[in-house]
């Protein structure tokens, strides 16, 4: 995932952080639901860069692999994500590039094989989107998004 400035208000992001507590409690109460065995990251996600409208997509599969596209760049990666969020509501996501077409992404960069990246993701309470951050700092100053869910096991493509 590429870093880019987050162009919505910090107030909105702080609201997301405040309601992440609800996400934590909902996750605990959902343990009886068989769907809770699937991590909320599993699915197909999209984001458009506000500067140029460039599309980024993220397909996180249940087997720990991901297909990532950004502009002309297409990557495959292995990823790990924490099963539970931390005290601030963030999940830690790490991925390593395993295949690349070596094309330029939305920011005109390319990713090399075996490069690793760690980010911290914060879901909207209804799970319909998340933001990605450089750290789990509640100020949310180093975040971008939203990255919107387009398809998972319980939703169809829009």
C-alpha atoms as a PDB file:
ATOM      1  CA  UNK A   1       0.000   0.000   0.000  1.00  0.00           C
ATOM      2  CA  UNK A   2       1.316   3.400  -0.885  1.00  0.00           C
ATOM      3  CA  UNK A   3       1.418   6.324   1.494  1.00  0.00           C
ATOM      4  CA  UNK A   4      -0.437   9.459   0.559  1.00  0.00           C
ATOM      5  CA  UNK A   5      -1.891  12.344   2.555  1.00  0.00           C
ATOM      6  CA  UNK A   6      -5.270  11.816   4.138  1.00  0.00           C
ATOM      7  CA  UNK A   7      -7.514  14.573   2.832  1.00  0.00           C
ATOM      8  CA  UNK A   8     -10.516  14.350   5.174  1.00  0.00           C
ATOM      9  CA  UNK A   9     -10.816  16.147   8.459  1.00  0.00           C
ATOM     10  CA  UNK A  10      -9.062  14.949  11.570  1.00  0.00           C
ATOM     11  CA  UNK A  11     -12.401  15.306  13.338  1.00  0.00           C
ATOM     12  CA  UNK A  12     -13.808  12.492  11.253  1.00  0.00           C
ATOM     13  CA  UNK A  13     -10.800  10.326  11.986  1.00  0.00           C
ATOM     14  CA  UNK A  14     -11.007  10.987  15.702  1.00  0.00           C
ATOM     15  CA  UNK A  15     -14.655   9.982  15.535  1.00  0.00           C
ATOM     16  CA  UNK A  16     -13.579   6.713  13.923  1.00  0.00           C
ATOM     17  CA  UNK A  17     -11.166   6.166  16.770  1.00  0.00           C
ATOM     18  CA  UNK A  18     -13.846   6.870  19.344  1.00  0.00           C
ATOM     19  CA  UNK A  19     -16.201   4.334  17.822  1.00  0.00           C
ATOM     20  CA  UNK A  20     -13.465   1.734  17.490  1.00  0.00           C
ATOM     21  CA  UNK A  21     -14.349   0.821  21.054  1.00  0.00           C
ATOM     22  CA  UNK A  22     -17.712  -0.258  19.681  1.00  0.00           C
ATOM     23  CA  UNK A  23     -15.897  -2.394  17.138  1.00  0.00           C
ATOM     24  CA  UNK A  24     -13.968  -4.097  19.912  1.00  0.00           C
ATOM     25  CA  UNK A  25     -17.120  -4.908  21.852  1.00  0.00           C
ATOM     26  CA  UNK A  26     -18.930  -6.028  18.702  1.00  0.00           C
ATOM     27  CA  UNK A  27     -16.035  -8.338  17.835  1.00  0.00           C
ATOM     28  CA  UNK A  28     -16.189  -9.981  21.260  1.00  0.00           C
ATOM     29  CA  UNK A  29     -19.967 -10.423  21.081  1.00  0.00           C
ATOM     30  CA  UNK A  30     -19.700 -11.832  17.546  1.00  0.00           C
ATOM     31  CA  UNK A  31     -17.619 -14.817  18.629  1.00  0.00           C
ATOM     32  CA  UNK A  32     -20.700 -17.033  18.516  1.00  0.00           C
ATOM     33  CA  UNK A  33     -21.281 -15.991  14.900  1.00  0.00           C
ATOM     34  CA  UNK A  34     -19.400 -18.298  12.470  1.00  0.00           C
ATOM     35  CA  UNK A  35     -18.582 -15.283  10.283  1.00  0.00           C
ATOM     36  CA  UNK A  36     -16.404 -13.941  13.112  1.00  0.00           C
ATOM     37  CA  UNK A  37     -13.843 -16.610  12.232  1.00  0.00           C
ATOM     38  CA  UNK A  38     -13.064 -14.545   9.129  1.00  0.00           C
ATOM     39  CA  UNK A  39     -10.904 -11.476   9.741  1.00  0.00           C
ATOM     40  CA  UNK A  40     -12.587  -8.164   8.801  1.00  0.00           C
ATOM     41  CA  UNK A  41      -9.699  -7.462   6.386  1.00  0.00           C
ATOM     42  CA  UNK A  42     -10.596 -10.437   4.159  1.00  0.00           C
ATOM     43  CA  UNK A  43     -12.163  -9.168   0.946  1.00  0.00           C
ATOM     44  CA  UNK A  44     -11.712  -6.819  -1.979  1.00  0.00           C
ATOM     45  CA  UNK A  45     -11.086  -3.132  -1.211  1.00  0.00           C
ATOM     46  CA  UNK A  46     -10.626  -0.020  -3.370  1.00  0.00           C
ATOM     47  CA  UNK A  47      -9.374   3.518  -2.937  1.00  0.00           C
ATOM     48  CA  UNK A  48      -9.036   6.414  -5.369  1.00  0.00           C
ATOM     49  CA  UNK A  49      -6.210   8.907  -4.921  1.00  0.00           C
ATOM     50  CA  UNK A  50      -7.827  12.309  -4.553  1.00  0.00           C
ATOM     51  CA  UNK A  51      -4.994  14.094  -6.418  1.00  0.00           C
ATOM     52  CA  UNK A  52      -5.387  12.193  -9.674  1.00  0.00           C
ATOM     53  CA  UNK A  53      -8.260   9.707  -9.291  1.00  0.00           C
ATOM     54  CA  UNK A  54      -5.867   6.783  -9.698  1.00  0.00           C
ATOM     55  CA  UNK A  55      -7.353   3.483  -8.512  1.00  0.00           C
ATOM     56  CA  UNK A  56      -5.707   1.261  -5.924  1.00  0.00           C
ATOM     57  CA  UNK A  57      -7.195  -2.138  -5.097  1.00  0.00           C
ATOM     58  CA  UNK A  58      -6.424  -4.625  -2.372  1.00  0.00           C
ATOM     59  CA  UNK A  59      -7.642  -8.217  -2.393  1.00  0.00           C
ATOM     60  CA  UNK A  60      -6.846  -9.889   0.919  1.00  0.00           C
ATOM     61  CA  UNK A  61      -7.468 -13.620   0.733  1.00  0.00           C
ATOM     62  CA  UNK A  62      -8.107 -15.978   3.657  1.00  0.00           C
ATOM     63  CA  UNK A  63      -4.940 -17.974   2.847  1.00  0.00           C
ATOM     64  CA  UNK A  64      -2.644 -15.053   3.785  1.00  0.00           C
ATOM     65  CA  UNK A  65      -1.989 -13.917   0.223  1.00  0.00           C
ATOM     66  CA  UNK A  66      -2.977 -10.609  -1.320  1.00  0.00           C
ATOM     67  CA  UNK A  67      -3.235  -9.139  -4.807  1.00  0.00           C
ATOM     68  CA  UNK A  68      -2.510  -5.409  -4.819  1.00  0.00           C
ATOM     69  CA  UNK A  69      -2.844  -3.008  -7.722  1.00  0.00           C
ATOM     70  CA  UNK A  70      -1.987   0.658  -7.943  1.00  0.00           C
ATOM     71  CA  UNK A  71      -2.130   2.334 -11.330  1.00  0.00           C
ATOM     72  CA  UNK A  72      -0.265  -0.005 -13.703  1.00  0.00           C
ATOM     73  CA  UNK A  73       1.522  -1.856 -10.902  1.00  0.00           C
ATOM     74  CA  UNK A  74       0.295  -5.337  -9.984  1.00  0.00           C
ATOM     75  CA  UNK A  75       1.698  -7.112  -6.950  1.00  0.00           C
ATOM     76  CA  UNK A  76       1.206 -10.342  -5.101  1.00  0.00           C
ATOM     77  CA  UNK A  77       2.134 -10.481  -1.441  1.00  0.00           C
ATOM     78  CA  UNK A  78       2.078 -12.595   1.692  1.00  0.00           C
ATOM     79  CA  UNK A  79       0.505 -10.788   4.611  1.00  0.00           C
ATOM     80  CA  UNK A  80      -0.064 -11.142   8.333  1.00  0.00           C
ATOM     81  CA  UNK A  81      -2.591  -9.167  10.331  1.00  0.00           C
ATOM     82  CA  UNK A  82      -3.185  -9.254  14.060  1.00  0.00           C
ATOM     83  CA  UNK A  83      -6.364 -11.142  14.967  1.00  0.00           C
ATOM     84  CA  UNK A  84      -7.447  -8.475  17.447  1.00  0.00           C
ATOM     85  CA  UNK A  85      -7.010  -4.696  17.433  1.00  0.00           C
ATOM     86  CA  UNK A  86      -4.737  -2.982  19.949  1.00  0.00           C
ATOM     87  CA  UNK A  87      -6.011  -0.700  22.717  1.00  0.00           C
ATOM     88  CA  UNK A  88      -6.463   2.163  20.213  1.00  0.00           C
ATOM     89  CA  UNK A  89      -8.475  -0.038  17.815  1.00  0.00           C
ATOM     90  CA  UNK A  90      -5.720  -0.589  15.239  1.00  0.00           C
ATOM     91  CA  UNK A  91      -4.852  -3.889  13.578  1.00  0.00           C
ATOM     92  CA  UNK A  92      -1.173  -4.313  12.644  1.00  0.00           C
ATOM     93  CA  UNK A  93      -0.779  -5.369   8.995  1.00  0.00           C
ATOM     94  CA  UNK A  94       2.536  -6.538   7.539  1.00  0.00           C
ATOM     95  CA  UNK A  95       3.051  -7.684   3.974  1.00  0.00           C
ATOM     96  CA  UNK A  96       5.976  -8.826   1.802  1.00  0.00           C
ATOM     97  CA  UNK A  97       5.931  -8.512  -1.998  1.00  0.00           C
ATOM     98  CA  UNK A  98       6.323 -11.936  -3.643  1.00  0.00           C
ATOM     99  CA  UNK A  99       5.589 -11.013  -7.290  1.00  0.00           C
ATOM    100  CA  UNK A 100       5.610  -7.742  -9.209  1.00  0.00           C
ATOM    101  CA  UNK A 101       5.056  -6.697 -12.791  1.00  0.00           C
ATOM    102  CA  UNK A 102       7.582  -3.870 -12.107  1.00  0.00           C
ATOM    103  CA  UNK A 103       5.216  -1.223 -13.517  1.00  0.00           C
ATOM    104  CA  UNK A 104       4.675   2.182 -11.911  1.00  0.00           C
ATOM    105  CA  UNK A 105       2.067   2.651  -9.226  1.00  0.00           C
ATOM    106  CA  UNK A 106      -0.223   5.666  -8.726  1.00  0.00           C
ATOM    107  CA  UNK A 107       2.686   7.653  -7.264  1.00  0.00           C
ATOM    108  CA  UNK A 108       5.039   6.674 -10.145  1.00  0.00           C
ATOM    109  CA  UNK A 109       7.071   4.310  -7.975  1.00  0.00           C
ATOM    110  CA  UNK A 110       7.721   0.586  -8.293  1.00  0.00           C
ATOM    111  CA  UNK A 111       7.908  -2.079  -5.599  1.00  0.00           C
ATOM    112  CA  UNK A 112      10.801  -4.497  -5.422  1.00  0.00           C
ATOM    113  CA  UNK A 113      10.432  -8.203  -4.629  1.00  0.00           C
ATOM    114  CA  UNK A 114      10.723  -9.194  -0.961  1.00  0.00           C
ATOM    115  CA  UNK A 115      10.173  -5.636   0.276  1.00  0.00           C
ATOM    116  CA  UNK A 116       8.232  -5.578   3.508  1.00  0.00           C
ATOM    117  CA  UNK A 117       5.860  -2.945   4.796  1.00  0.00           C
ATOM    118  CA  UNK A 118       3.978  -2.569   8.063  1.00  0.00           C
ATOM    119  CA  UNK A 119       0.937  -0.380   8.533  1.00  0.00           C
ATOM    120  CA  UNK A 120      -1.782   0.024  11.105  1.00  0.00           C
ATOM    121  CA  UNK A 121      -5.390  -0.120   9.969  1.00  0.00           C
ATOM    122  CA  UNK A 122      -8.474   1.259  11.650  1.00  0.00           C
ATOM    123  CA  UNK A 123     -11.880   0.051  10.484  1.00  0.00           C
ATOM    124  CA  UNK A 124     -15.043   2.094  10.372  1.00  0.00           C
ATOM    125  CA  UNK A 125     -17.439   0.494  12.924  1.00  0.00           C
ATOM    126  CA  UNK A 126     -19.656  -1.035  10.228  1.00  0.00           C
ATOM    127  CA  UNK A 127     -16.594  -2.554   8.476  1.00  0.00           C
ATOM    128  CA  UNK A 128     -17.342  -0.777   5.195  1.00  0.00           C
ATOM    129  CA  UNK A 129     -13.966   1.002   5.049  1.00  0.00           C
ATOM    130  CA  UNK A 130     -10.666   1.474   6.827  1.00  0.00           C
ATOM    131  CA  UNK A 131      -7.819   3.933   6.974  1.00  0.00           C
ATOM    132  CA  UNK A 132      -4.162   2.909   6.826  1.00  0.00           C
ATOM    133  CA  UNK A 133      -1.596   4.599   9.046  1.00  0.00           C
ATOM    134  CA  UNK A 134       2.178   4.572   9.528  1.00  0.00           C
ATOM    135  CA  UNK A 135       1.675   3.945  13.260  1.00  0.00           C
ATOM    136  CA  UNK A 136      -1.096   3.468  15.798  1.00  0.00           C
ATOM    137  CA  UNK A 137      -0.916   7.052  17.037  1.00  0.00           C
ATOM    138  CA  UNK A 138      -4.453   8.161  17.941  1.00  0.00           C
ATOM    139  CA  UNK A 139      -3.782  11.614  16.415  1.00  0.00           C
ATOM    140  CA  UNK A 140      -4.120   9.912  13.000  1.00  0.00           C
ATOM    141  CA  UNK A 141      -1.698  12.381  11.409  1.00  0.00           C
ATOM    142  CA  UNK A 142       0.050   9.770   9.216  1.00  0.00           C
ATOM    143  CA  UNK A 143      -2.987   8.073   7.677  1.00  0.00           C
ATOM    144  CA  UNK A 144      -4.652   7.779   4.284  1.00  0.00           C
ATOM    145  CA  UNK A 145      -7.971   6.506   3.095  1.00  0.00           C
ATOM    146  CA  UNK A 146     -10.727   5.680   3.200  1.00  0.00           C
ATOM    147  CA  UNK A 147     -10.200   2.306   1.593  1.00  0.00           C
ATOM    148  CA  UNK A 148     -13.669   0.968   0.859  1.00  0.00           C
ATOM    149  CA  UNK A 149     -14.926  -2.603   0.954  1.00  0.00           C
ATOM    150  CA  UNK A 150     -16.282  -3.716  -2.408  1.00  0.00           C
ATOM    151  CA  UNK A 151     -16.751  -7.457  -1.809  1.00  0.00           C
ATOM    152  CA  UNK A 152     -16.433 -10.034   0.956  1.00  0.00           C
ATOM    153  CA  UNK A 153     -18.245 -13.242   1.830  1.00  0.00           C
ATOM    154  CA  UNK A 154     -21.397 -11.412   2.911  1.00  0.00           C
ATOM    155  CA  UNK A 155     -21.416  -8.625   0.287  1.00  0.00           C
ATOM    156  CA  UNK A 156     -21.546  -8.633  -3.480  1.00  0.00           C
ATOM    157  CA  UNK A 157     -19.593  -6.420  -5.846  1.00  0.00           C
ATOM    158  CA  UNK A 158     -21.056  -2.928  -6.195  1.00  0.00           C
END
